[in-house]
Amino acid sequence: MNQEKQDILYKHISLKIKELRSQIKLTQSELAKRLGLSRTSIVNIEQNRHKPTLHLLYEISLIGKVEIGYFFKDIELNEGQSTVSKKTEKEISKKVQKEDEQEIIKSFISFVGSKKA
């Protein structure tokens, strides 16, 4: 598999992780805690800065109660055609962005509240 296809594959996997997290209604912090990772690690994986290991995908699939193949659905890596559906990417990003913004606001409020005490 060439580098371009690997990049597309990992981008798709990161989107599917976001999508699954959203579907099971977990925040990045909650998923991180269940995996024994930091929230920053989940952010980096979801933003395709870090590549998840096969073991991590397996653990996420157990938490989300999906088959590991879930992360590879809806992707084309055929010769001459390597794409993640733009529609799929936009739908996932839009849906998850609102949840991430809510989590950031909650964290900020909690931080400000702890400084007042």
PDB file of N, CA and C in Angstrom:
ATOM      1  N   MET A   1       0.859  -1.176   0.000  1.00  0.00           N
ATOM      2  CA  MET A   1       0.000   0.000   0.000  1.00  0.00           C
ATOM      3  C   MET A   1       0.899   1.232   0.000  1.00  0.00           C
ATOM      4  N   ASN A   2       0.655   2.124  -0.911  1.00  0.00           N
ATOM      5  CA  ASN A   2       1.485   3.328  -0.974  1.00  0.00           C
ATOM      6  C   ASN A   2       1.080   4.332   0.116  1.00  0.00           C
ATOM      7  N   GLN A   3       1.911   5.357   0.278  1.00  0.00           N
ATOM      8  CA  GLN A   3       1.710   6.337   1.345  1.00  0.00           C
ATOM      9  C   GLN A   3       0.377   7.070   1.221  1.00  0.00           C
ATOM     10  N   GLU A   4      -0.012   7.409  -0.011  1.00  0.00           N
ATOM     11  CA  GLU A   4      -1.283   8.106  -0.219  1.00  0.00           C
ATOM     12  C   GLU A   4      -2.454   7.272   0.289  1.00  0.00           C
ATOM     13  N   LYS A   5      -2.447   5.991  -0.028  1.00  0.00           N
ATOM     14  CA  LYS A   5      -3.533   5.124   0.421  1.00  0.00           C
ATOM     15  C   LYS A   5      -3.507   4.946   1.932  1.00  0.00           C
ATOM     16  N   GLN A   6      -2.325   4.860   2.514  1.00  0.00           N
ATOM     17  CA  GLN A   6      -2.228   4.763   3.970  1.00  0.00           C
ATOM     18  C   GLN A   6      -2.801   6.016   4.633  1.00  0.00           C
ATOM     19  N   ASP A   7      -2.467   7.175   4.086  1.00  0.00           N
ATOM     20  CA  ASP A   7      -2.981   8.432   4.640  1.00  0.00           C
ATOM     21  C   ASP A   7      -4.505   8.472   4.580  1.00  0.00           C
ATOM     22  N   ILE A   8      -5.068   8.042   3.461  1.00  0.00           N
ATOM     23  CA  ILE A   8      -6.518   8.023   3.297  1.00  0.00           C
ATOM     24  C   ILE A   8      -7.144   7.032   4.275  1.00  0.00           C
ATOM     25  N   LEU A   9      -6.525   5.872   4.411  1.00  0.00           N
ATOM     26  CA  LEU A   9      -7.041   4.858   5.327  1.00  0.00           C
ATOM     27  C   LEU A   9      -7.081   5.380   6.761  1.00  0.00           C
ATOM     28  N   TYR A  10      -5.982   5.976   7.214  1.00  0.00           N
ATOM     29  CA  TYR A  10      -5.952   6.477   8.591  1.00  0.00           C
ATOM     30  C   TYR A  10      -6.886   7.664   8.804  1.00  0.00           C
ATOM     31  N   LYS A  11      -7.057   8.487   7.793  1.00  0.00           N
ATOM     32  CA  LYS A  11      -8.020   9.590   7.899  1.00  0.00           C
ATOM     33  C   LYS A  11      -9.431   9.021   8.074  1.00  0.00           C
ATOM     34  N   HIS A  12      -9.731   8.002   7.298  1.00  0.00           N
ATOM     35  CA  HIS A  12     -11.046   7.357   7.386  1.00  0.00           C
ATOM     36  C   HIS A  12     -11.241   6.732   8.769  1.00  0.00           C
ATOM     37  N   ILE A  13     -10.234   6.037   9.261  1.00  0.00           N
ATOM     38  CA  ILE A  13     -10.330   5.408  10.581  1.00  0.00           C
ATOM     39  C   ILE A  13     -10.566   6.467  11.652  1.00  0.00           C
ATOM     40  N   SER A  14      -9.870   7.592  11.567  1.00  0.00           N
ATOM     41  CA  SER A  14     -10.060   8.646  12.571  1.00  0.00           C
ATOM     42  C   SER A  14     -11.490   9.179  12.537  1.00  0.00           C
ATOM     43  N   LEU A  15     -12.050   9.314  11.340  1.00  0.00           N
ATOM     44  CA  LEU A  15     -13.441   9.760  11.218  1.00  0.00           C
ATOM     45  C   LEU A  15     -14.410   8.733  11.802  1.00  0.00           C
ATOM     46  N   LYS A  16     -14.136   7.465  11.568  1.00  0.00           N
ATOM     47  CA  LYS A  16     -15.014   6.413  12.090  1.00  0.00           C
ATOM     48  C   LYS A  16     -14.936   6.338  13.613  1.00  0.00           C
ATOM     49  N   ILE A  17     -13.775   6.614  14.185  1.00  0.00           N
ATOM     50  CA  ILE A  17     -13.656   6.648  15.644  1.00  0.00           C
ATOM     51  C   ILE A  17     -14.512   7.789  16.199  1.00  0.00           C
ATOM     52  N   LYS A  18     -14.429   8.960  15.576  1.00  0.00           N
ATOM     53  CA  LYS A  18     -15.270  10.090  15.992  1.00  0.00           C
ATOM     54  C   LYS A  18     -16.744   9.724  15.900  1.00  0.00           C
ATOM     55  N   GLU A  19     -17.108   9.135  14.773  1.00  0.00           N
ATOM     56  CA  GLU A  19     -18.502   8.768  14.537  1.00  0.00           C
ATOM     57  C   GLU A  19     -18.995   7.792  15.603  1.00  0.00           C
ATOM     58  N   LEU A  20     -18.207   6.765  15.883  1.00  0.00           N
ATOM     59  CA  LEU A  20     -18.610   5.772  16.879  1.00  0.00           C
ATOM     60  C   LEU A  20     -18.721   6.404  18.260  1.00  0.00           C
ATOM     61  N   ARG A  21     -17.752   7.223  18.617  1.00  0.00           N
ATOM     62  CA  ARG A  21     -17.794   7.889  19.926  1.00  0.00           C
ATOM     63  C   ARG A  21     -19.070   8.712  20.062  1.00  0.00           C
ATOM     64  N   SER A  22     -19.436   9.387  18.986  1.00  0.00           N
ATOM     65  CA  SER A  22     -20.652  10.188  18.973  1.00  0.00           C
ATOM     66  C   SER A  22     -21.892   9.302  19.126  1.00  0.00           C
ATOM     67  N   GLN A  23     -21.905   8.195  18.408  1.00  0.00           N
ATOM     68  CA  GLN A  23     -23.056   7.291  18.455  1.00  0.00           C
ATOM     69  C   GLN A  23     -23.271   6.689  19.842  1.00  0.00           C
ATOM     70  N   ILE A  24     -22.174   6.390  20.531  1.00  0.00           N
ATOM     71  CA  ILE A  24     -22.314   5.787  21.860  1.00  0.00           C
ATOM     72  C   ILE A  24     -22.353   6.849  22.966  1.00  0.00           C
ATOM     73  N   LYS A  25     -22.383   8.111  22.524  1.00  0.00           N
ATOM     74  CA  LYS A  25     -22.562   9.257  23.422  1.00  0.00           C
ATOM     75  C   LYS A  25     -21.500   9.332  24.526  1.00  0.00           C
ATOM     76  N   LEU A  26     -20.240   9.205  24.102  1.00  0.00           N
ATOM     77  CA  LEU A  26     -19.129   9.392  25.021  1.00  0.00           C
ATOM     78  C   LEU A  26     -18.374  10.656  24.626  1.00  0.00           C
ATOM     79  N   THR A  27     -17.907  11.387  25.601  1.00  0.00           N
ATOM     80  CA  THR A  27     -17.037  12.518  25.321  1.00  0.00           C
ATOM     81  C   THR A  27     -15.634  11.970  25.044  1.00  0.00           C
ATOM     82  N   GLN A  28     -14.771  12.817  24.548  1.00  0.00           N
ATOM     83  CA  GLN A  28     -13.383  12.406  24.343  1.00  0.00           C
ATOM     84  C   GLN A  28     -12.755  12.002  25.673  1.00  0.00           C
ATOM     85  N   SER A  29     -13.066  12.726  26.717  1.00  0.00           N
ATOM     86  CA  SER A  29     -12.522  12.422  28.046  1.00  0.00           C
ATOM     87  C   SER A  29     -13.003  11.068  28.549  1.00  0.00           C
ATOM     88  N   GLU A  30     -14.283  10.804  28.355  1.00  0.00           N
ATOM     89  CA  GLU A  30     -14.840   9.526  28.814  1.00  0.00           C
ATOM     90  C   GLU A  30     -14.234   8.343  28.062  1.00  0.00           C
ATOM     91  N   LEU A  31     -14.100   8.487  26.745  1.00  0.00           N
ATOM     92  CA  LEU A  31     -13.489   7.410  25.963  1.00  0.00           C
ATOM     93  C   LEU A  31     -12.034   7.219  26.384  1.00  0.00           C
ATOM     94  N   ALA A  32     -11.330   8.316  26.569  1.00  0.00           N
ATOM     95  CA  ALA A  32      -9.929   8.239  26.983  1.00  0.00           C
ATOM     96  C   ALA A  32      -9.795   7.493  28.305  1.00  0.00           C
ATOM     97  N   LYS A  33     -10.644   7.820  29.257  1.00  0.00           N
ATOM     98  CA  LYS A  33     -10.595   7.177  30.572  1.00  0.00           C
ATOM     99  C   LYS A  33     -10.827   5.677  30.453  1.00  0.00           C
ATOM    100  N   ARG A  34     -11.793   5.285  29.641  1.00  0.00           N
ATOM    101  CA  ARG A  34     -12.094   3.859  29.475  1.00  0.00           C
ATOM    102  C   ARG A  34     -10.968   3.108  28.776  1.00  0.00           C
ATOM    103  N   LEU A  35     -10.179   3.828  27.992  1.00  0.00           N
ATOM    104  CA  LEU A  35      -9.058   3.207  27.280  1.00  0.00           C
ATOM    105  C   LEU A  35      -7.736   3.342  28.030  1.00  0.00           C
ATOM    106  N   GLY A  36      -7.740   4.106  29.121  1.00  0.00           N
ATOM    107  CA  GLY A  36      -6.513   4.333  29.867  1.00  0.00           C
ATOM    108  C   GLY A  36      -5.574   5.299  29.153  1.00  0.00           C
ATOM    109  N   LEU A  37      -6.157   6.245  28.416  1.00  0.00           N
ATOM    110  CA  LEU A  37      -5.390   7.238  27.673  1.00  0.00           C
ATOM    111  C   LEU A  37      -5.749   8.639  28.152  1.00  0.00           C
ATOM    112  N   SER A  38      -5.018   9.613  27.672  1.00  0.00           N
ATOM    113  CA  SER A  38      -5.369  11.005  27.966  1.00  0.00           C
ATOM    114  C   SER A  38      -6.368  11.497  26.918  1.00  0.00           C
ATOM    115  N   ARG A  39      -7.094  12.549  27.272  1.00  0.00           N
ATOM    116  CA  ARG A  39      -8.015  13.161  26.303  1.00  0.00           C
ATOM    117  C   ARG A  39      -7.235  13.651  25.092  1.00  0.00           C
ATOM    118  N   THR A  40      -6.035  14.168  25.324  1.00  0.00           N
ATOM    119  CA  THR A  40      -5.190  14.656  24.234  1.00  0.00           C
ATOM    120  C   THR A  40      -4.895  13.541  23.229  1.00  0.00           C
ATOM    121  N   SER A  41      -4.688  12.335  23.728  1.00  0.00           N
ATOM    122  CA  SER A  41      -4.434  11.201  22.827  1.00  0.00           C
ATOM    123  C   SER A  41      -5.634  10.951  21.924  1.00  0.00           C
ATOM    124  N   ILE A  42      -6.826  11.016  22.486  1.00  0.00           N
ATOM    125  CA  ILE A  42      -8.043  10.805  21.684  1.00  0.00           C
ATOM    126  C   ILE A  42      -8.192  11.931  20.668  1.00  0.00           C
ATOM    127  N   VAL A  43      -7.951  13.163  21.087  1.00  0.00           N
ATOM    128  CA  VAL A  43      -8.014  14.307  20.165  1.00  0.00           C
ATOM    129  C   VAL A  43      -7.052  14.080  19.001  1.00  0.00           C
ATOM    130  N   ASN A  44      -5.828  13.694  19.313  1.00  0.00           N
ATOM    131  CA  ASN A  44      -4.825  13.485  18.266  1.00  0.00           C
ATOM    132  C   ASN A  44      -5.196  12.345  17.321  1.00  0.00           C
ATOM    133  N   ILE A  45      -5.782  11.305  17.840  1.00  0.00           N
ATOM    134  CA  ILE A  45      -6.222  10.194  16.988  1.00  0.00           C
ATOM    135  C   ILE A  45      -7.379  10.645  16.106  1.00  0.00           C
ATOM    136  N   GLU A  46      -8.356  11.320  16.701  1.00  0.00           N
ATOM    137  CA  GLU A  46      -9.525  11.765  15.934  1.00  0.00           C
ATOM    138  C   GLU A  46      -9.159  12.821  14.895  1.00  0.00           C
ATOM    139  N   GLN A  47      -8.112  13.573  15.125  1.00  0.00           N
ATOM    140  CA  GLN A  47      -7.691  14.584  14.162  1.00  0.00           C
ATOM    141  C   GLN A  47      -6.594  14.063  13.243  1.00  0.00           C
ATOM    142  N   ASN A  48      -6.379  12.753  13.294  1.00  0.00           N
ATOM    143  CA  ASN A  48      -5.447  12.060  12.404  1.00  0.00           C
ATOM    144  C   ASN A  48      -4.003  12.524  12.582  1.00  0.00           C
ATOM    145  N   ARG A  49      -3.661  12.946  13.788  1.00  0.00           N
ATOM    146  CA  ARG A  49      -2.273  13.311  14.084  1.00  0.00           C
ATOM    147  C   ARG A  49      -1.491  12.090  14.545  1.00  0.00           C
ATOM    148  N   HIS A  50      -2.192  11.162  15.231  1.00  0.00           N
ATOM    149  CA  HIS A  50      -1.590   9.904  15.673  1.00  0.00           C
ATOM    150  C   HIS A  50      -2.379   8.750  15.061  1.00  0.00           C
ATOM    151  N   LYS A  51      -1.678   7.686  14.743  1.00  0.00           N
ATOM    152  CA  LYS A  51      -2.323   6.514  14.144  1.00  0.00           C
ATOM    153  C   LYS A  51      -2.642   5.501  15.246  1.00  0.00           C
ATOM    154  N   PRO A  52      -3.906   5.090  15.348  1.00  0.00           N
ATOM    155  CA  PRO A  52      -4.254   4.112  16.376  1.00  0.00           C
ATOM    156  C   PRO A  52      -3.695   2.729  16.030  1.00  0.00           C
ATOM    157  N   THR A  53      -3.296   1.997  17.042  1.00  0.00           N
ATOM    158  CA  THR A  53      -2.824   0.632  16.834  1.00  0.00           C
ATOM    159  C   THR A  53      -4.024  -0.289  16.611  1.00  0.00           C
ATOM    160  N   LEU A  54      -3.748  -1.463  16.109  1.00  0.00           N
ATOM    161  CA  LEU A  54      -4.803  -2.449  15.915  1.00  0.00           C
ATOM    162  C   LEU A  54      -5.428  -2.818  17.257  1.00  0.00           C
ATOM    163  N   HIS A  55      -4.593  -2.935  18.286  1.00  0.00           N
ATOM    164  CA  HIS A  55      -5.107  -3.252  19.614  1.00  0.00           C
ATOM    165  C   HIS A  55      -6.065  -2.161  20.108  1.00  0.00           C
ATOM    166  N   LEU A  56      -5.709  -0.895  19.876  1.00  0.00           N
ATOM    167  CA  LEU A  56      -6.573   0.207  20.295  1.00  0.00           C
ATOM    168  C   LEU A  56      -7.901   0.184  19.534  1.00  0.00           C
ATOM    169  N   LEU A  57      -7.845  -0.079  18.231  1.00  0.00           N
ATOM    170  CA  LEU A  57      -9.090  -0.194  17.460  1.00  0.00           C
ATOM    171  C   LEU A  57      -9.964  -1.313  18.019  1.00  0.00           C
ATOM    172  N   TYR A  58      -9.335  -2.411  18.390  1.00  0.00           N
ATOM    173  CA  TYR A  58     -10.073  -3.526  18.969  1.00  0.00           C
ATOM    174  C   TYR A  58     -10.746  -3.107  20.275  1.00  0.00           C
ATOM    175  N   GLU A  59     -10.004  -2.417  21.131  1.00  0.00           N
ATOM    176  CA  GLU A  59     -10.567  -1.953  22.400  1.00  0.00           C
ATOM    177  C   GLU A  59     -11.735  -0.985  22.166  1.00  0.00           C
ATOM    178  N   ILE A  60     -11.578  -0.078  21.219  1.00  0.00           N
ATOM    179  CA  ILE A  60     -12.659   0.868  20.902  1.00  0.00           C
ATOM    180  C   ILE A  60     -13.863   0.120  20.355  1.00  0.00           C
ATOM    181  N   SER A  61     -13.629  -0.892  19.544  1.00  0.00           N
ATOM    182  CA  SER A  61     -14.750  -1.673  18.997  1.00  0.00           C
ATOM    183  C   SER A  61     -15.505  -2.398  20.111  1.00  0.00           C
ATOM    184  N   LEU A  62     -14.782  -2.874  21.125  1.00  0.00           N
ATOM    185  CA  LEU A  62     -15.453  -3.520  22.264  1.00  0.00           C
ATOM    186  C   LEU A  62     -16.308  -2.516  23.029  1.00  0.00           C
ATOM    187  N   ILE A  63     -15.770  -1.334  23.263  1.00  0.00           N
ATOM    188  CA  ILE A  63     -16.512  -0.287  23.973  1.00  0.00           C
ATOM    189  C   ILE A  63     -17.759   0.105  23.180  1.00  0.00           C
ATOM    190  N   GLY A  64     -17.600   0.230  21.863  1.00  0.00           N
ATOM    191  CA  GLY A  64     -18.710   0.630  21.014  1.00  0.00           C
ATOM    192  C   GLY A  64     -19.619  -0.505  20.584  1.00  0.00           C
ATOM    193  N   LYS A  65     -19.248  -1.738  20.966  1.00  0.00           N
ATOM    194  CA  LYS A  65     -20.030  -2.931  20.627  1.00  0.00           C
ATOM    195  C   LYS A  65     -20.250  -3.054  19.116  1.00  0.00           C
ATOM    196  N   VAL A  66     -19.135  -2.865  18.374  1.00  0.00           N
ATOM    197  CA  VAL A  66     -19.156  -3.040  16.925  1.00  0.00           C
ATOM    198  C   VAL A  66     -18.042  -4.002  16.540  1.00  0.00           C
ATOM    199  N   GLU A  67     -18.173  -4.572  15.357  1.00  0.00           N
ATOM    200  CA  GLU A  67     -17.102  -5.395  14.815  1.00  0.00           C
ATOM    201  C   GLU A  67     -15.936  -4.494  14.439  1.00  0.00           C
ATOM    202  N   ILE A  68     -14.734  -5.006  14.483  1.00  0.00           N
ATOM    203  CA  ILE A  68     -13.570  -4.186  14.142  1.00  0.00           C
ATOM    204  C   ILE A  68     -13.636  -3.711  12.689  1.00  0.00           C
ATOM    205  N   GLY A  69     -14.334  -4.448  11.840  1.00  0.00           N
ATOM    206  CA  GLY A  69     -14.505  -4.042  10.446  1.00  0.00           C
ATOM    207  C   GLY A  69     -15.261  -2.732  10.283  1.00  0.00           C
ATOM    208  N   TYR A  70     -15.937  -2.294  11.339  1.00  0.00           N
ATOM    209  CA  TYR A  70     -16.667  -1.028  11.317  1.00  0.00           C
ATOM    210  C   TYR A  70     -15.767   0.119  10.860  1.00  0.00           C
ATOM    211  N   PHE A  71     -14.514   0.090  11.305  1.00  0.00           N
ATOM    212  CA  PHE A  71     -13.589   1.188  11.016  1.00  0.00           C
ATOM    213  C   PHE A  71     -13.154   1.236   9.555  1.00  0.00           C
ATOM    214  N   PHE A  72     -13.451   0.159   8.820  1.00  0.00           N
ATOM    215  CA  PHE A  72     -13.016   0.074   7.429  1.00  0.00           C
ATOM    216  C   PHE A  72     -14.176   0.138   6.442  1.00  0.00           C
ATOM    217  N   LYS A  73     -15.371   0.352   6.949  1.00  0.00           N
ATOM    218  CA  LYS A  73     -16.549   0.469   6.079  1.00  0.00           C
ATOM    219  C   LYS A  73     -16.503   1.776   5.295  1.00  0.00           C
ATOM    220  N   ASP A  74     -17.123   1.759   4.135  1.00  0.00           N
ATOM    221  CA  ASP A  74     -17.322   2.966   3.324  1.00  0.00           C
ATOM    222  C   ASP A  74     -16.030   3.615   2.845  1.00  0.00           C
ATOM    223  N   ILE A  75     -15.008   2.827   2.601  1.00  0.00           N
ATOM    224  CA  ILE A  75     -13.761   3.387   2.073  1.00  0.00           C
ATOM    225  C   ILE A  75     -13.374   2.628   0.818  1.00  0.00           C
ATOM    226  N   GLU A  76     -12.865   3.362  -0.135  1.00  0.00           N
ATOM    227  CA  GLU A  76     -12.399   2.778  -1.391  1.00  0.00           C
ATOM    228  C   GLU A  76     -10.892   2.951  -1.481  1.00  0.00           C
ATOM    229  N   LEU A  77     -10.187   1.839  -1.575  1.00  0.00           N
ATOM    230  CA  LEU A  77      -8.739   1.887  -1.750  1.00  0.00           C
ATOM    231  C   LEU A  77      -8.340   1.115  -3.003  1.00  0.00           C
ATOM    232  N   ASN A  78      -9.232   1.059  -3.968  1.00  0.00           N
ATOM    233  CA  ASN A  78      -8.963   0.343  -5.209  1.00  0.00           C
ATOM    234  C   ASN A  78      -7.951   1.094  -6.054  1.00  0.00           C
ATOM    235  N   GLU A  79      -7.375   0.381  -7.008  1.00  0.00           N
ATOM    236  CA  GLU A  79      -6.402   0.996  -7.915  1.00  0.00           C
ATOM    237  C   GLU A  79      -7.032   2.189  -8.624  1.00  0.00           C
ATOM    238  N   GLY A  80      -6.371   3.328  -8.546  1.00  0.00           N
ATOM    239  CA  GLY A  80      -6.860   4.521  -9.228  1.00  0.00           C
ATOM    240  C   GLY A  80      -8.006   5.221  -8.506  1.00  0.00           C
ATOM    241  N   GLN A  81      -8.456   4.665  -7.399  1.00  0.00           N
ATOM    242  CA  GLN A  81      -9.571   5.283  -6.669  1.00  0.00           C
ATOM    243  C   GLN A  81      -9.342   5.101  -5.180  1.00  0.00           C
ATOM    244  N   SER A  82      -8.961   6.142  -4.521  1.00  0.00           N
ATOM    245  CA  SER A  82      -8.723   6.105  -3.085  1.00  0.00           C
ATOM    246  C   SER A  82      -9.397   7.310  -2.460  1.00  0.00           C
ATOM    247  N   THR A  83     -10.561   7.087  -1.919  1.00  0.00           N
ATOM    248  CA  THR A  83     -11.288   8.224  -1.377  1.00  0.00           C
ATOM    249  C   THR A  83     -12.054   7.887  -0.110  1.00  0.00           C
ATOM    250  N   VAL A  84     -12.218   8.905   0.696  1.00  0.00           N
ATOM    251  CA  VAL A  84     -13.181   8.892   1.782  1.00  0.00           C
ATOM    252  C   VAL A  84     -14.296   9.786   1.272  1.00  0.00           C
ATOM    253  N   SER A  85     -15.499   9.322   1.333  1.00  0.00           N
ATOM    254  CA  SER A  85     -16.618  10.118   0.851  1.00  0.00           C
ATOM    255  C   SER A  85     -16.615  11.484   1.530  1.00  0.00           C
ATOM    256  N   LYS A  86     -16.606  12.539   0.740  1.00  0.00           N
ATOM    257  CA  LYS A  86     -16.634  13.900   1.301  1.00  0.00           C
ATOM    258  C   LYS A  86     -17.906  14.119   2.105  1.00  0.00           C
ATOM    259  N   LYS A  87     -19.004  13.533   1.624  1.00  0.00           N
ATOM    260  CA  LYS A  87     -20.270  13.660   2.343  1.00  0.00           C
ATOM    261  C   LYS A  87     -20.142  13.010   3.714  1.00  0.00           C
ATOM    262  N   THR A  88     -19.560  11.803   3.759  1.00  0.00           N
ATOM    263  CA  THR A  88     -19.372  11.106   5.026  1.00  0.00           C
ATOM    264  C   THR A  88     -18.502  11.927   5.960  1.00  0.00           C
ATOM    265  N   GLU A  89     -17.414  12.462   5.438  1.00  0.00           N
ATOM    266  CA  GLU A  89     -16.492  13.255   6.241  1.00  0.00           C
ATOM    267  C   GLU A  89     -17.182  14.489   6.817  1.00  0.00           C
ATOM    268  N   LYS A  90     -17.946  15.207   5.998  1.00  0.00           N
ATOM    269  CA  LYS A  90     -18.643  16.414   6.457  1.00  0.00           C
ATOM    270  C   LYS A  90     -19.694  16.085   7.506  1.00  0.00           C
ATOM    271  N   GLU A  91     -20.463  15.015   7.274  1.00  0.00           N
ATOM    272  CA  GLU A  91     -21.525  14.642   8.214  1.00  0.00           C
ATOM    273  C   GLU A  91     -20.947  14.301   9.581  1.00  0.00           C
ATOM    274  N   ILE A  92     -19.886  13.501   9.595  1.00  0.00           N
ATOM    275  CA  ILE A  92     -19.276  13.102  10.861  1.00  0.00           C
ATOM    276  C   ILE A  92     -18.686  14.310  11.565  1.00  0.00           C
ATOM    277  N   SER A  93     -17.932  15.121  10.831  1.00  0.00           N
ATOM    278  CA  SER A  93     -17.269  16.278  11.435  1.00  0.00           C
ATOM    279  C   SER A  93     -18.268  17.263  12.016  1.00  0.00           C
ATOM    280  N   LYS A  94     -19.337  17.534  11.299  1.00  0.00           N
ATOM    281  CA  LYS A  94     -20.347  18.486  11.762  1.00  0.00           C
ATOM    282  C   LYS A  94     -21.020  17.983  13.031  1.00  0.00           C
ATOM    283  N   LYS A  95     -21.378  16.720  13.047  1.00  0.00           N
ATOM    284  CA  LYS A  95     -22.067  16.118  14.178  1.00  0.00           C
ATOM    285  C   LYS A  95     -21.188  16.108  15.425  1.00  0.00           C
ATOM    286  N   VAL A  96     -19.949  15.727  15.257  1.00  0.00           N
ATOM    287  CA  VAL A  96     -19.045  15.592  16.384  1.00  0.00           C
ATOM    288  C   VAL A  96     -18.544  16.943  16.874  1.00  0.00           C
ATOM    289  N   GLN A  97     -18.423  17.915  15.993  1.00  0.00           N
ATOM    290  CA  GLN A  97     -17.913  19.233  16.375  1.00  0.00           C
ATOM    291  C   GLN A  97     -18.763  19.844  17.480  1.00  0.00           C
ATOM    292  N   LYS A  98     -20.075  19.740  17.360  1.00  0.00           N
ATOM    293  CA  LYS A  98     -20.957  20.302  18.384  1.00  0.00           C
ATOM    294  C   LYS A  98     -20.701  19.648  19.738  1.00  0.00           C
ATOM    295  N   GLU A  99     -20.537  18.326  19.738  1.00  0.00           N
ATOM    296  CA  GLU A  99     -20.291  17.614  20.992  1.00  0.00           C
ATOM    297  C   GLU A  99     -18.955  18.019  21.595  1.00  0.00           C
ATOM    298  N   ASP A 100     -17.933  18.165  20.757  1.00  0.00           N
ATOM    299  CA  ASP A 100     -16.619  18.568  21.240  1.00  0.00           C
ATOM    300  C   ASP A 100     -16.657  19.970  21.810  1.00  0.00           C
ATOM    301  N   GLU A 101     -17.387  20.869  21.174  1.00  0.00           N
ATOM    302  CA  GLU A 101     -17.516  22.239  21.674  1.00  0.00           C
ATOM    303  C   GLU A 101     -18.186  22.236  23.040  1.00  0.00           C
ATOM    304  N   GLN A 102     -19.211  21.405  23.220  1.00  0.00           N
ATOM    305  CA  GLN A 102     -19.890  21.321  24.505  1.00  0.00           C
ATOM    306  C   GLN A 102     -18.944  20.814  25.589  1.00  0.00           C
ATOM    307  N   GLU A 103     -18.107  19.830  25.237  1.00  0.00           N
ATOM    308  CA  GLU A 103     -17.150  19.293  26.203  1.00  0.00           C
ATOM    309  C   GLU A 103     -16.126  20.352  26.603  1.00  0.00           C
ATOM    310  N   ILE A 104     -15.657  21.140  25.670  1.00  0.00           N
ATOM    311  CA  ILE A 104     -14.683  22.198  25.953  1.00  0.00           C
ATOM    312  C   ILE A 104     -15.303  23.251  26.861  1.00  0.00           C
ATOM    313  N   ILE A 105     -16.553  23.617  26.594  1.00  0.00           N
ATOM    314  CA  ILE A 105     -17.238  24.612  27.420  1.00  0.00           C
ATOM    315  C   ILE A 105     -17.407  24.090  28.848  1.00  0.00           C
ATOM    316  N   LYS A 106     -17.802  22.826  28.987  1.00  0.00           N
ATOM    317  CA  LYS A 106     -17.955  22.236  30.320  1.00  0.00           C
ATOM    318  C   LYS A 106     -16.627  22.236  31.069  1.00  0.00           C
ATOM    319  N   SER A 107     -15.549  21.885  30.375  1.00  0.00           N
ATOM    320  CA  SER A 107     -14.221  21.870  31.004  1.00  0.00           C
ATOM    321  C   SER A 107     -13.823  23.265  31.455  1.00  0.00           C
ATOM    322  N   PHE A 108     -14.102  24.265  30.633  1.00  0.00           N
ATOM    323  CA  PHE A 108     -13.773  25.645  30.969  1.00  0.00           C
ATOM    324  C   PHE A 108     -14.563  26.104  32.186  1.00  0.00           C
ATOM    325  N   ILE A 109     -15.845  25.806  32.213  1.00  0.00           N
ATOM    326  CA  ILE A 109     -16.687  26.203  33.352  1.00  0.00           C
ATOM    327  C   ILE A 109     -16.183  25.538  34.622  1.00  0.00           C
ATOM    328  N   SER A 110     -15.820  24.272  34.514  1.00  0.00           N
ATOM    329  CA  SER A 110     -15.303  23.547  35.670  1.00  0.00           C
ATOM    330  C   SER A 110     -13.984  24.167  36.149  1.00  0.00           C
ATOM    331  N   PHE A 111     -13.127  24.526  35.209  1.00  0.00           N
ATOM    332  CA  PHE A 111     -11.847  25.168  35.534  1.00  0.00           C
ATOM    333  C   PHE A 111     -12.061  26.498  36.241  1.00  0.00           C
ATOM    334  N   VAL A 112     -12.937  27.316  35.668  1.00  0.00           N
ATOM    335  CA  VAL A 112     -13.219  28.633  36.267  1.00  0.00           C
ATOM    336  C   VAL A 112     -13.817  28.443  37.653  1.00  0.00           C
ATOM    337  N   GLY A 113     -14.714  27.476  37.805  1.00  0.00           N
ATOM    338  CA  GLY A 113     -15.316  27.219  39.105  1.00  0.00           C
ATOM    339  C   GLY A 113     -14.295  26.785  40.146  1.00  0.00           C
ATOM    340  N   SER A 114     -13.312  26.017  39.733  1.00  0.00           N
ATOM    341  CA  SER A 114     -12.286  25.544  40.683  1.00  0.00           C
ATOM    342  C   SER A 114     -11.359  26.682  41.102  1.00  0.00           C
ATOM    343  N   LYS A 115     -11.192  27.688  40.259  1.00  0.00           N
ATOM    344  CA  LYS A 115     -10.335  28.835  40.595  1.00  0.00           C
ATOM    345  C   LYS A 115     -11.013  29.767  41.594  1.00  0.00           C
ATOM    346  N   LYS A 116     -12.350  29.777  41.593  1.00  0.00           N
ATOM    347  CA  LYS A 116     -13.089  30.636  42.520  1.00  0.00           C
ATOM    348  C   LYS A 116     -13.042  30.091  43.938  1.00  0.00           C
ATOM    349  N   ALA A 117     -12.917  28.786  44.030  1.00  0.00           N
ATOM    350  CA  ALA A 117     -12.968  28.140  45.364  1.00  0.00           C
ATOM    351  C   ALA A 117     -11.734  28.360  46.187  1.00  0.00           C
TER     352      ALA A 117
END
